[in-house]
Amino acid sequence: MRRYDFIIAYDIADVKRLKKIAKLIEKDALRIQYSIYFYHDSTQEEVTKLLEKVCRIYDEKRDDIRVYKIKNRGLHLGCAIDLDNPFEFI
């Protein structure tokens, strides 16, 4: 199973949801800025499990959560996840 590094970023409208989501993500990822996390050496399956938990909390109309897979040669912005279909990596 291939392992990658990921960047997880969010913009959460409600403080209560923000705290829950931050606490959940911080269990597995390193906070590198206020709403940006580095998820090191993980599989797509591990990220998907984390997103399944996050999707139970976030408000799809008011919040924004993005995941970027880091390629070997740096961040490839075309590898974001569409939260309309969050368990398929683009």
C-alpha atoms as a PDB file:
ATOM      1  CA  MET A   1       0.000   0.000   0.000  1.00  0.00           C
ATOM      2  CA  ARG A   2       1.471   3.341  -1.049  1.00  0.00           C
ATOM      3  CA  ARG A   3       1.987   5.982   1.576  1.00  0.00           C
ATOM      4  CA  TYR A   4       1.829   9.728   1.017  1.00  0.00           C
ATOM      5  CA  ASP A   5       1.927  12.993   2.874  1.00  0.00           C
ATOM      6  CA  PHE A   6      -1.251  15.083   2.877  1.00  0.00           C
ATOM      7  CA  ILE A   7      -2.215  18.661   3.667  1.00  0.00           C
ATOM      8  CA  ILE A   8      -5.611  19.103   5.340  1.00  0.00           C
ATOM      9  CA  ALA A   9      -7.082  22.606   5.475  1.00  0.00           C
ATOM     10  CA  TYR A  10     -10.439  23.850   6.639  1.00  0.00           C
ATOM     11  CA  ASP A  11     -12.659  26.877   7.126  1.00  0.00           C
ATOM     12  CA  ILE A  12     -15.366  26.042   9.673  1.00  0.00           C
ATOM     13  CA  ALA A  13     -18.130  28.589  10.291  1.00  0.00           C
ATOM     14  CA  ASP A  14     -19.210  27.504  13.792  1.00  0.00           C
ATOM     15  CA  VAL A  15     -16.805  27.590  16.760  1.00  0.00           C
ATOM     16  CA  LYS A  16     -18.270  24.451  18.330  1.00  0.00           C
ATOM     17  CA  ARG A  17     -17.848  22.426  15.117  1.00  0.00           C
ATOM     18  CA  LEU A  18     -14.415  23.969  14.601  1.00  0.00           C
ATOM     19  CA  LYS A  19     -13.181  22.711  17.988  1.00  0.00           C
ATOM     20  CA  LYS A  20     -14.562  19.209  17.387  1.00  0.00           C
ATOM     21  CA  ILE A  21     -13.027  18.934  13.933  1.00  0.00           C
ATOM     22  CA  ALA A  22      -9.683  20.365  15.064  1.00  0.00           C
ATOM     23  CA  LYS A  23      -9.493  17.901  17.957  1.00  0.00           C
ATOM     24  CA  LEU A  24     -10.328  15.010  15.629  1.00  0.00           C
ATOM     25  CA  ILE A  25      -7.728  15.951  13.016  1.00  0.00           C
ATOM     26  CA  GLU A  26      -5.033  16.674  15.621  1.00  0.00           C
ATOM     27  CA  LYS A  27      -5.169  13.045  16.738  1.00  0.00           C
ATOM     28  CA  ASP A  28      -3.518  12.023  13.448  1.00  0.00           C
ATOM     29  CA  ALA A  29      -2.023  15.147  11.895  1.00  0.00           C
ATOM     30  CA  LEU A  30       0.401  17.888  12.853  1.00  0.00           C
ATOM     31  CA  ARG A  31      -0.966  21.429  12.940  1.00  0.00           C
ATOM     32  CA  ILE A  32       1.286  23.647  10.828  1.00  0.00           C
ATOM     33  CA  GLN A  33      -0.926  26.743  10.833  1.00  0.00           C
ATOM     34  CA  TYR A  34      -4.158  27.707  12.531  1.00  0.00           C
ATOM     35  CA  SER A  35      -6.388  25.692  10.172  1.00  0.00           C
ATOM     36  CA  ILE A  36      -3.813  23.710   8.189  1.00  0.00           C
ATOM     37  CA  TYR A  37      -2.479  20.264   9.091  1.00  0.00           C
ATOM     38  CA  PHE A  38       0.252  17.984   7.792  1.00  0.00           C
ATOM     39  CA  TYR A  39      -0.737  14.308   7.703  1.00  0.00           C
ATOM     40  CA  HIS A  40       2.541  12.427   7.315  1.00  0.00           C
ATOM     41  CA  ASP A  41       3.208   9.015   5.758  1.00  0.00           C
ATOM     42  CA  SER A  42      -0.409   7.894   5.465  1.00  0.00           C
ATOM     43  CA  THR A  43      -2.438   5.807   3.078  1.00  0.00           C
ATOM     44  CA  GLN A  44      -5.473   7.050   1.205  1.00  0.00           C
ATOM     45  CA  GLU A  45      -7.503   4.604   3.303  1.00  0.00           C
ATOM     46  CA  GLU A  46      -6.308   6.251   6.546  1.00  0.00           C
ATOM     47  CA  VAL A  47      -7.236   9.682   5.227  1.00  0.00           C
ATOM     48  CA  THR A  48     -10.608   8.373   4.081  1.00  0.00           C
ATOM     49  CA  LYS A  49     -11.354   7.024   7.581  1.00  0.00           C
ATOM     50  CA  LEU A  50     -10.482  10.421   9.062  1.00  0.00           C
ATOM     51  CA  LEU A  51     -12.723  12.174   6.519  1.00  0.00           C
ATOM     52  CA  GLU A  52     -15.609   9.845   7.305  1.00  0.00           C
ATOM     53  CA  LYS A  53     -15.421  11.038  10.926  1.00  0.00           C
ATOM     54  CA  VAL A  54     -15.050  14.696   9.923  1.00  0.00           C
ATOM     55  CA  CYS A  55     -18.003  14.483   7.520  1.00  0.00           C
ATOM     56  CA  ARG A  56     -20.285  13.483  10.406  1.00  0.00           C
ATOM     57  CA  ILE A  57     -19.543  16.851  12.055  1.00  0.00           C
ATOM     58  CA  TYR A  58     -19.108  19.453   9.327  1.00  0.00           C
ATOM     59  CA  ASP A  59     -21.892  21.483   7.707  1.00  0.00           C
ATOM     60  CA  GLU A  60     -21.586  21.049   3.944  1.00  0.00           C
ATOM     61  CA  LYS A  61     -23.343  24.369   3.246  1.00  0.00           C
ATOM     62  CA  ARG A  62     -21.271  26.533   5.610  1.00  0.00           C
ATOM     63  CA  ASP A  63     -17.915  24.779   6.042  1.00  0.00           C
ATOM     64  CA  ASP A  64     -15.039  24.010   3.701  1.00  0.00           C
ATOM     65  CA  ILE A  65     -12.574  21.135   4.191  1.00  0.00           C
ATOM     66  CA  ARG A  66      -9.843  20.328   1.677  1.00  0.00           C
ATOM     67  CA  VAL A  67      -7.277  17.557   1.453  1.00  0.00           C
ATOM     68  CA  TYR A  68      -4.248  17.718  -0.828  1.00  0.00           C
ATOM     69  CA  LYS A  69      -1.997  14.773  -1.552  1.00  0.00           C
ATOM     70  CA  ILE A  70       1.680  15.751  -1.696  1.00  0.00           C
ATOM     71  CA  LYS A  71       3.487  14.115  -4.578  1.00  0.00           C
ATOM     72  CA  ASN A  72       7.161  13.145  -4.409  1.00  0.00           C
ATOM     73  CA  ARG A  73       8.190  16.408  -6.042  1.00  0.00           C
ATOM     74  CA  GLY A  74       6.057  18.693  -3.921  1.00  0.00           C
ATOM     75  CA  LEU A  75       2.443  19.716  -3.620  1.00  0.00           C
ATOM     76  CA  HIS A  76       0.336  18.958  -6.676  1.00  0.00           C
ATOM     77  CA  LEU A  77      -2.753  21.121  -6.309  1.00  0.00           C
ATOM     78  CA  GLY A  78      -4.755  18.996  -8.717  1.00  0.00           C
ATOM     79  CA  CYS A  79      -5.062  16.287  -6.058  1.00  0.00           C
ATOM     80  CA  ALA A  80      -7.827  17.769  -3.929  1.00  0.00           C
ATOM     81  CA  ILE A  81     -10.866  15.895  -2.680  1.00  0.00           C
ATOM     82  CA  ASP A  82     -14.312  16.893  -3.824  1.00  0.00           C
ATOM     83  CA  LEU A  83     -16.500  16.754  -0.712  1.00  0.00           C
ATOM     84  CA  ASP A  84     -19.535  16.067  -2.887  1.00  0.00           C
ATOM     85  CA  ASN A  85     -17.840  12.695  -3.332  1.00  0.00           C
ATOM     86  CA  PRO A  86     -15.330  12.730  -0.413  1.00  0.00           C
ATOM     87  CA  PHE A  87     -14.086   9.168  -0.602  1.00  0.00           C
ATOM     88  CA  GLU A  88     -12.743   9.327  -4.150  1.00  0.00           C
ATOM     89  CA  PHE A  89      -9.382  10.987  -4.674  1.00  0.00           C
ATOM     90  CA  ILE A  90      -9.176  13.108  -7.781  1.00  0.00           C
END
